[in-house]
Amino acid sequence: MEPFLFCALCGTMWGKSEVEPMARKARVVRTDFPSGRRVLAISDIHGNPAFFRGVLEAARYTPEDILVLVGDLIEKGPDSLGLLRMVMELAQRNTVYCLRGNCDDLVCEFVQKEPSAPDAFYRHYLGVWGERCTLVQMAREAGCPFQGPEDRPALARAIRERFAPELAFLESMPEILLTPDYLFVHGGVPDEDHLEGLDAWRCMKNDNFLAQGRSFRRWCVVGHWPVTLYHPHVASVAPLLLPERHIASIDGGCSLIMDGQLNALELPAAPGGPFSWYAYDGLPTAVALDGQASSADPINIRWGGGVVEVLAWGEELSRCRHLETGRELEVLTDYLSVRNGEVWCQVSTDYRLPVAPGEELRVVRRLSDRALVKKNGVIGWYFGRLDEKRKENP
């Protein structure tokens, strides 16, 4: 399975006119958060209950907190139905605002459009995601086959009947949450005015939002586009805050990349105050025994630009030339795959992370002479010694 393919390919196929969801206007919920209650924003959980529980624990979430889930609760993860039901139960007891993302929209569109939904999209989607597709998980639980176009009508009926509460919950989710100080939306919006007139799909799927140069009066909190895609040099999955533009992008790549994480952004207690954040990545923790300086001029190979020429294949690492930049670097061999005669690599970096002895590091991968590690959401290589005792990710 190659998760890094999906954003480009699914965006191309599902975002073009032949498969674009039925046009409708965005739904906006307006509210004002009560003073004295903490607000946490989380996006792009992607059907991963373990990561959701983990980040809530890391943030020390309590029923008094207000939770804003900024879209893409489901799809691409190991247990979308489990995650959805967990959120539904939580929303019955606590204050939880759930916004619809493009992945949440997929099940709704399938039920509404079937049998007119295009075969090409589902063949592609199922081919990429397989068991991580919510429709497949629903089909398995309902005992329905879901192999070809002939199976779709029965599955659509089963979803309407067997999963009526889940479907109703997904269909009830608005695209935008607006307060006097914040605007929450999964993909992005062009501005803060006339929000109800916006196309709902463009609010859910708004690729590369930060590159559009927009600024806001309120803070605009978005997900959808993993933040590592905004970093051409140093790979980072930590929330990206742009105070001069009032934008917070918080998608940490949960369920999509090996070094991804689920972020929870804590809003300032008062307007103008500092943000803080928590994360969960499920990785083991080790203590660095040696110091290491950072490397100069690193590169972060991102989705959509990962075509390489392999100069020398290796068991653990392969020497590659990145065709887009001409840079040479070592890439994890199992990050490489051949498609249509080209060699592609997953998100990769040659950055040497600055490390001081005694610092705790998340360990993504240990090799014979180095380790791919993460510190404060930043990913890079560490060539020093790591202790043998590892603590679990809190």
Protein backbone atom coordinates (compact mmCIF):
# COMPACT_ATOMS: atom_id res chain seq x y z
CA MET A 1 0.00 0.00 0.00
CA GLU A 2 1.34 3.44 -0.93
CA PRO A 3 -0.45 6.14 1.08
CA PHE A 4 1.53 8.94 -0.54
CA LEU A 5 -0.17 8.19 -3.87
CA PHE A 6 -3.64 8.92 -2.66
CA CYS A 7 -3.61 12.66 -2.10
CA ALA A 8 -2.50 13.32 -5.63
CA LEU A 9 -4.52 10.65 -7.38
CA CYS A 10 -7.68 10.85 -5.32
CA GLY A 11 -7.61 14.61 -5.56
CA THR A 12 -7.33 14.41 -9.32
CA MET A 13 -10.06 11.85 -9.80
CA TRP A 14 -12.48 12.82 -7.06
CA GLY A 15 -11.97 16.55 -7.54
CA LYS A 16 -12.66 16.78 -11.28
CA SER A 17 -16.06 17.28 -12.79
CA GLU A 18 -16.62 13.64 -13.79
CA VAL A 19 -16.60 12.50 -10.17
CA GLU A 20 -17.06 15.68 -8.19
CA PRO A 21 -19.73 15.47 -5.48
CA MET A 22 -23.09 17.08 -6.11
CA ALA A 23 -22.82 20.85 -5.73
CA ARG A 24 -24.25 22.25 -2.53
CA LYS A 25 -23.55 25.22 -0.33
CA ALA A 26 -21.46 25.06 2.80
CA ARG A 27 -23.20 24.71 6.14
CA VAL A 28 -21.97 27.09 8.82
CA VAL A 29 -22.42 26.74 12.57
CA ARG A 30 -21.94 29.94 14.56
CA THR A 31 -21.17 29.80 18.26
CA ASP A 32 -19.14 31.44 20.99
CA PHE A 33 -16.98 29.33 23.26
CA PRO A 34 -17.74 29.89 26.96
CA SER A 35 -14.92 31.58 28.84
CA GLY A 36 -12.93 29.41 31.19
CA ARG A 37 -13.22 26.22 29.14
CA ARG A 38 -10.24 24.84 27.25
CA VAL A 39 -10.64 24.29 23.49
CA LEU A 40 -8.73 21.56 21.62
CA ALA A 41 -8.72 21.27 17.82
CA ILE A 42 -7.84 17.96 16.13
CA SER A 43 -7.97 17.16 12.42
CA ASP A 44 -7.42 14.19 10.13
CA ILE A 45 -7.79 11.29 12.55
CA HIS A 46 -8.37 9.02 9.55
CA GLY A 47 -9.99 6.08 11.27
CA ASN A 48 -7.33 5.57 13.92
CA PRO A 49 -8.93 5.07 17.37
CA ALA A 50 -5.60 4.30 19.06
CA PHE A 51 -4.10 7.61 17.98
CA PHE A 52 -7.26 9.49 18.97
CA ARG A 53 -7.19 7.97 22.44
CA GLY A 54 -3.46 8.63 22.61
CA VAL A 55 -3.64 12.33 21.79
CA LEU A 56 -6.56 12.88 24.17
CA GLU A 57 -4.49 11.25 26.90
CA ALA A 58 -1.43 13.33 25.97
CA ALA A 59 -3.56 16.49 26.18
CA ARG A 60 -5.14 15.33 29.47
CA TYR A 61 -8.56 15.81 27.93
CA THR A 62 -11.48 16.13 30.36
CA PRO A 63 -15.26 16.39 29.86
CA GLU A 64 -14.98 20.11 30.62
CA ASP A 65 -12.91 20.68 27.48
CA ILE A 66 -14.45 21.70 24.17
CA LEU A 67 -13.33 19.49 21.29
CA VAL A 68 -13.34 20.63 17.66
CA LEU A 69 -12.70 17.83 15.14
CA VAL A 70 -11.72 19.58 11.93
CA GLY A 71 -12.70 16.93 9.40
CA ASP A 72 -11.52 13.58 8.01
CA LEU A 73 -12.54 11.49 10.97
CA ILE A 74 -12.62 8.41 8.74
CA GLU A 75 -10.94 6.70 5.76
CA LYS A 76 -7.38 5.46 5.23
CA GLY A 77 -7.06 4.08 8.77
CA PRO A 78 -7.40 0.67 10.41
CA ASP A 79 -10.84 1.14 12.03
CA SER A 80 -12.96 3.97 10.67
CA LEU A 81 -16.19 2.53 12.05
CA GLY A 82 -14.68 2.16 15.51
CA LEU A 83 -13.39 5.72 15.44
CA LEU A 84 -16.71 7.09 14.19
CA ARG A 85 -18.64 5.32 16.93
CA MET A 86 -16.17 6.52 19.53
CA VAL A 87 -16.70 10.12 18.42
CA MET A 88 -20.48 9.69 18.32
CA GLU A 89 -20.49 8.41 21.89
CA LEU A 90 -18.18 11.20 23.03
CA ALA A 91 -20.40 13.81 21.38
CA GLN A 92 -23.42 12.55 23.31
CA ARG A 93 -21.71 13.23 26.65
CA ASN A 94 -19.37 16.17 26.01
CA THR A 95 -19.11 19.32 23.91
CA VAL A 96 -17.79 18.11 20.56
CA TYR A 97 -18.03 19.95 17.24
CA CYS A 98 -17.45 17.67 14.22
CA LEU A 99 -16.80 19.21 10.81
CA ARG A 100 -17.02 17.34 7.52
CA GLY A 101 -13.87 16.69 5.52
CA ASN A 102 -13.55 15.33 2.00
CA CYS A 103 -12.92 11.80 3.32
CA ASP A 104 -16.00 11.94 5.57
CA ASP A 105 -17.98 12.94 2.49
CA LEU A 106 -17.08 9.79 0.58
CA VAL A 107 -19.57 7.46 2.30
CA CYS A 108 -22.37 10.03 2.01
CA GLU A 109 -21.65 10.53 -1.68
CA PHE A 110 -21.56 6.80 -2.30
CA VAL A 111 -25.02 6.32 -0.79
CA GLN A 112 -26.48 9.37 -2.52
CA LYS A 113 -24.96 8.80 -5.97
CA GLU A 114 -25.15 5.04 -6.30
CA PRO A 115 -25.62 3.65 -8.94
CA SER A 116 -24.34 6.67 -10.88
CA ALA A 117 -21.00 6.82 -9.03
CA PRO A 118 -18.12 6.28 -11.48
CA ASP A 119 -16.54 2.83 -11.64
CA ALA A 120 -13.09 4.30 -12.30
CA PHE A 121 -12.95 6.09 -8.97
CA TYR A 122 -13.94 3.08 -6.88
CA ARG A 123 -11.58 0.76 -8.74
CA HIS A 124 -8.75 3.16 -8.06
CA TYR A 125 -9.75 3.93 -4.49
CA LEU A 126 -10.18 0.31 -3.48
CA GLY A 127 -6.95 -0.60 -5.22
CA VAL A 128 -4.98 1.93 -3.19
CA TRP A 129 -6.64 1.63 0.22
CA GLY A 130 -8.24 -1.82 0.30
CA GLU A 131 -9.11 -2.75 3.89
CA ARG A 132 -8.51 0.84 5.00
CA CYS A 133 -11.52 2.01 3.00
CA THR A 134 -14.57 2.70 5.18
CA LEU A 135 -16.87 1.18 2.56
CA VAL A 136 -14.90 -2.07 2.72
CA GLN A 137 -15.08 -2.06 6.52
CA MET A 138 -18.84 -1.49 6.33
CA ALA A 139 -19.24 -4.24 3.76
CA ARG A 140 -17.31 -6.68 5.94
CA GLU A 141 -19.38 -5.88 9.05
CA ALA A 142 -22.64 -6.10 7.07
CA GLY A 143 -21.62 -9.35 5.40
CA CYS A 144 -21.90 -7.82 1.93
CA PRO A 145 -19.45 -8.53 -0.90
CA PHE A 146 -17.78 -5.43 -2.33
CA GLN A 147 -15.64 -6.49 -5.24
CA GLY A 148 -17.12 -4.93 -8.35
CA PRO A 149 -19.79 -2.53 -9.63
CA GLU A 150 -22.46 -5.23 -9.32
CA ASP A 151 -22.01 -5.22 -5.51
CA ARG A 152 -22.55 -1.49 -5.03
CA PRO A 153 -26.39 -1.34 -4.96
CA ALA A 154 -26.61 -3.96 -2.21
CA LEU A 155 -23.92 -2.21 -0.16
CA ALA A 156 -25.63 1.17 -0.54
CA ARG A 157 -28.86 -0.38 0.78
CA ALA A 158 -26.99 -2.03 3.64
CA ILE A 159 -25.38 1.26 4.64
CA ARG A 160 -28.77 2.99 4.70
CA GLU A 161 -30.27 0.22 6.82
CA ARG A 162 -27.44 -1.24 8.92
CA PHE A 163 -25.48 1.96 9.46
CA ALA A 164 -28.29 4.51 9.67
CA PRO A 165 -26.96 6.19 12.87
CA GLU A 166 -23.43 6.47 11.49
CA LEU A 167 -24.67 7.80 8.15
CA ALA A 168 -26.95 10.33 9.85
CA PHE A 169 -24.04 11.54 11.99
CA LEU A 170 -21.79 12.01 8.95
CA GLU A 171 -24.52 13.79 7.02
CA SER A 172 -25.21 16.13 9.94
CA MET A 173 -21.68 17.49 10.10
CA PRO A 174 -21.31 21.08 8.84
CA GLU A 175 -18.34 22.31 6.85
CA ILE A 176 -17.55 25.44 8.89
CA LEU A 177 -17.54 26.39 12.57
CA LEU A 178 -17.35 30.12 13.21
CA THR A 179 -16.77 31.97 16.48
CA PRO A 180 -15.89 35.64 17.06
CA ASP A 181 -12.19 34.73 17.15
CA TYR A 182 -11.86 31.52 15.12
CA LEU A 183 -12.89 29.93 11.85
CA PHE A 184 -12.56 26.15 11.63
CA VAL A 185 -12.78 24.42 8.24
CA HIS A 186 -11.18 21.24 6.94
CA GLY A 187 -9.69 22.42 3.65
CA GLY A 188 -9.90 26.19 3.63
CA VAL A 189 -11.96 29.18 2.52
CA PRO A 190 -11.15 32.20 0.35
CA ASP A 191 -12.19 34.71 3.04
CA GLU A 192 -14.43 35.17 6.07
CA ASP A 193 -17.35 36.79 4.26
CA HIS A 194 -20.41 35.14 2.71
CA LEU A 195 -19.45 31.74 4.07
CA GLU A 196 -22.89 30.22 3.46
CA GLY A 197 -22.50 30.92 -0.25
CA LEU A 198 -19.31 28.89 -0.59
CA ASP A 199 -19.22 25.55 -2.38
CA ALA A 200 -19.15 22.87 0.30
CA TRP A 201 -16.72 20.62 -1.57
CA ARG A 202 -14.17 23.41 -1.97
CA CYS A 203 -14.32 24.01 1.78
CA MET A 204 -13.60 20.33 2.42
CA LYS A 205 -10.95 19.83 -0.25
CA ASN A 206 -8.71 22.85 -0.73
CA ASP A 207 -5.25 21.53 -1.54
CA ASN A 208 -2.09 23.47 -0.65
CA PHE A 209 -4.13 26.11 1.15
CA LEU A 210 -1.19 28.04 2.62
CA ALA A 211 0.29 28.59 -0.84
CA GLN A 212 -2.78 30.62 -1.83
CA GLY A 213 -1.52 33.65 0.10
CA ARG A 214 -4.70 34.24 2.10
CA SER A 215 -4.90 36.12 5.41
CA PHE A 216 -7.72 36.37 7.94
CA ARG A 217 -9.01 38.59 10.73
CA ARG A 218 -9.92 35.58 12.84
CA TRP A 219 -7.60 32.64 13.27
CA CYS A 220 -8.41 30.10 10.55
CA VAL A 221 -7.73 26.52 11.72
CA VAL A 222 -7.45 23.96 8.91
CA GLY A 223 -6.38 20.37 8.30
CA HIS A 224 -6.49 18.33 5.06
CA TRP A 225 -2.98 19.09 3.75
CA PRO A 226 -0.32 17.35 5.87
CA VAL A 227 1.96 20.06 7.20
CA THR A 228 5.10 18.24 6.08
CA LEU A 229 4.11 19.14 2.51
CA TYR A 230 4.72 22.80 3.34
CA HIS A 231 8.36 22.17 4.35
CA PRO A 232 10.78 21.81 1.39
CA HIS A 233 13.89 21.40 3.54
CA VAL A 234 13.26 20.17 7.09
CA ALA A 235 10.47 17.59 7.48
CA SER A 236 8.04 18.48 10.27
CA VAL A 237 4.62 17.18 11.23
CA ALA A 238 4.08 19.66 14.08
CA PRO A 239 1.24 22.21 13.79
CA LEU A 240 2.22 25.11 11.55
CA LEU A 241 1.22 28.52 12.94
CA LEU A 242 1.33 31.67 10.82
CA PRO A 243 0.54 34.58 13.20
CA GLU A 244 0.91 37.25 10.52
CA ARG A 245 -1.81 35.55 8.45
CA HIS A 246 -3.87 34.09 11.32
CA ILE A 247 -3.71 30.54 9.95
CA ALA A 248 -3.06 27.32 11.88
CA SER A 249 -2.54 24.15 9.81
CA ILE A 250 -2.61 21.06 12.02
CA ASP A 251 -2.71 17.85 9.91
CA GLY A 252 0.18 15.72 11.19
CA GLY A 253 -0.19 12.90 8.65
CA CYS A 254 -1.86 10.43 11.03
CA SER A 255 -2.37 7.01 9.36
CA LEU A 256 -0.69 8.22 6.15
CA ILE A 257 3.06 8.19 6.79
CA MET A 258 5.26 6.16 9.14
CA ASP A 259 6.52 9.23 10.99
CA GLY A 260 3.13 10.96 11.08
CA GLN A 261 1.29 11.95 14.23
CA LEU A 262 -2.09 13.15 15.43
CA ASN A 263 -1.93 16.73 16.68
CA ALA A 264 -4.18 18.48 19.19
CA LEU A 265 -3.97 22.27 19.10
CA GLU A 266 -4.89 24.04 22.35
CA LEU A 267 -6.33 27.48 21.71
CA PRO A 268 -5.13 30.43 23.81
CA ALA A 269 -7.04 30.98 27.03
CA ALA A 270 -7.53 34.60 25.92
CA PRO A 271 -7.37 36.20 22.44
CA GLY A 272 -3.80 37.04 21.51
CA GLY A 273 -2.30 34.50 23.89
CA PRO A 274 0.03 31.65 22.93
CA PHE A 275 -1.07 28.40 21.34
CA SER A 276 0.18 25.06 22.63
CA TRP A 277 -0.06 21.59 21.17
CA TYR A 278 0.10 17.90 21.97
CA ALA A 279 0.76 14.91 19.74
CA TYR A 280 0.61 11.14 19.64
CA ASP A 281 2.52 8.98 17.16
CA GLY A 282 2.60 5.49 18.70
CA LEU A 283 6.39 5.34 18.35
CA PRO A 284 8.82 4.11 20.99
CA THR A 285 10.96 6.64 22.85
CA ALA A 286 14.70 6.34 23.43
CA VAL A 287 17.29 8.57 25.08
CA ALA A 288 20.19 9.95 23.04
CA LEU A 289 23.59 9.18 24.53
CA ASP A 290 25.61 11.34 22.11
CA GLY A 291 25.32 14.86 20.79
CA GLN A 292 24.93 15.71 17.12
CA ALA A 293 24.90 18.97 15.15
CA SER A 294 22.33 19.67 12.46
CA SER A 295 23.23 19.34 8.81
CA ALA A 296 23.22 22.27 6.40
CA ASP A 297 20.93 22.60 3.38
CA PRO A 298 18.71 19.53 3.93
CA ILE A 299 15.96 18.37 1.60
CA ASN A 300 12.49 17.04 2.32
CA ILE A 301 11.10 14.98 -0.56
CA ARG A 302 7.33 15.37 -0.45
CA TRP A 303 4.26 13.79 -2.03
CA GLY A 304 3.89 14.44 -5.72
CA GLY A 305 7.60 15.16 -6.25
CA GLY A 306 9.19 11.88 -5.29
CA VAL A 307 10.56 10.57 -8.60
CA VAL A 308 14.16 9.44 -8.15
CA GLU A 309 16.94 7.69 -10.04
CA VAL A 310 18.46 4.87 -8.04
CA LEU A 311 22.23 5.11 -8.24
CA ALA A 312 22.95 2.13 -5.99
CA TRP A 313 20.47 -0.26 -4.40
CA GLY A 314 21.15 -1.30 -0.80
CA GLU A 315 19.56 -3.61 1.75
CA GLU A 316 18.66 -0.84 4.20
CA LEU A 317 19.36 2.35 2.25
CA SER A 318 19.68 3.10 -1.45
CA ARG A 319 21.62 5.98 -2.98
CA CYS A 320 19.26 8.06 -5.11
CA ARG A 321 19.20 11.21 -7.19
CA HIS A 322 16.05 13.28 -6.72
CA LEU A 323 15.09 14.24 -10.27
CA GLU A 324 13.22 17.41 -9.33
CA THR A 325 16.17 19.01 -7.54
CA GLY A 326 19.15 16.99 -8.73
CA ARG A 327 20.12 16.29 -5.12
CA GLU A 328 21.64 12.98 -4.10
CA LEU A 329 20.64 11.35 -0.84
CA GLU A 330 20.18 7.98 0.84
CA VAL A 331 16.58 6.76 0.98
CA LEU A 332 15.15 3.83 2.90
CA THR A 333 14.99 1.03 0.34
CA ASP A 334 11.51 -0.04 1.38
CA TYR A 335 10.34 3.55 0.75
CA LEU A 336 11.00 2.98 -2.97
CA SER A 337 8.50 1.60 -5.48
CA VAL A 338 8.25 1.38 -9.26
CA ARG A 339 5.23 2.85 -11.04
CA ASN A 340 4.86 3.19 -14.79
CA GLY A 341 8.57 2.71 -15.30
CA GLU A 342 9.57 5.37 -12.73
CA VAL A 343 10.99 4.91 -9.25
CA TRP A 344 9.13 6.86 -6.57
CA CYS A 345 10.04 7.36 -2.95
CA GLN A 346 7.83 8.13 0.01
CA VAL A 347 8.37 11.26 2.07
CA SER A 348 12.14 11.24 2.73
CA THR A 349 14.81 13.54 4.13
CA ASP A 350 18.60 13.70 4.51
CA TYR A 351 18.40 16.05 7.50
CA ARG A 352 20.65 15.36 10.50
CA LEU A 353 18.59 16.32 13.52
CA PRO A 354 20.38 18.46 16.14
CA VAL A 355 20.49 16.37 19.31
CA ALA A 356 21.93 16.91 22.79
CA PRO A 357 22.91 14.01 25.06
CA GLY A 358 20.01 13.03 27.29
CA GLU A 359 17.28 14.20 24.93
CA GLU A 360 14.33 11.90 24.33
CA LEU A 361 13.70 10.95 20.71
CA ARG A 362 10.84 9.15 19.00
CA VAL A 363 12.32 6.27 17.01
CA VAL A 364 10.79 5.81 13.56
CA ARG A 365 13.31 3.26 12.28
CA ARG A 366 16.59 1.85 13.64
CA LEU A 367 19.24 0.84 11.11
CA SER A 368 22.65 -0.70 11.60
CA ASP A 369 24.51 2.64 11.74
CA ARG A 370 21.81 5.28 12.34
CA ALA A 371 18.19 5.84 13.25
CA LEU A 372 15.38 7.85 11.73
CA VAL A 373 14.02 9.81 14.67
CA LYS A 374 11.67 12.61 15.56
CA LYS A 375 11.93 15.46 18.07
CA ASN A 376 9.13 17.96 18.66
CA GLY A 377 7.54 16.84 15.40
CA VAL A 378 10.73 17.33 13.32
CA ILE A 379 12.07 14.25 11.54
CA GLY A 380 15.70 13.54 10.79
CA TRP A 381 18.61 11.12 11.08
CA TYR A 382 20.58 10.45 14.25
CA PHE A 383 24.01 8.79 14.08
CA GLY A 384 24.71 8.54 17.81
CA ARG A 385 23.94 5.85 20.33
CA LEU A 386 20.48 5.28 21.74
CA ASP A 387 19.86 3.66 25.10
CA GLU A 388 18.49 0.14 25.20
CA LYS A 389 15.62 1.04 27.52
CA ARG A 390 12.69 2.48 25.59
CA LYS A 391 9.63 4.09 27.04
CA GLU A 392 6.26 3.98 25.40
CA ASN A 393 4.92 7.08 23.70
CA PRO A 394 2.84 8.94 26.32
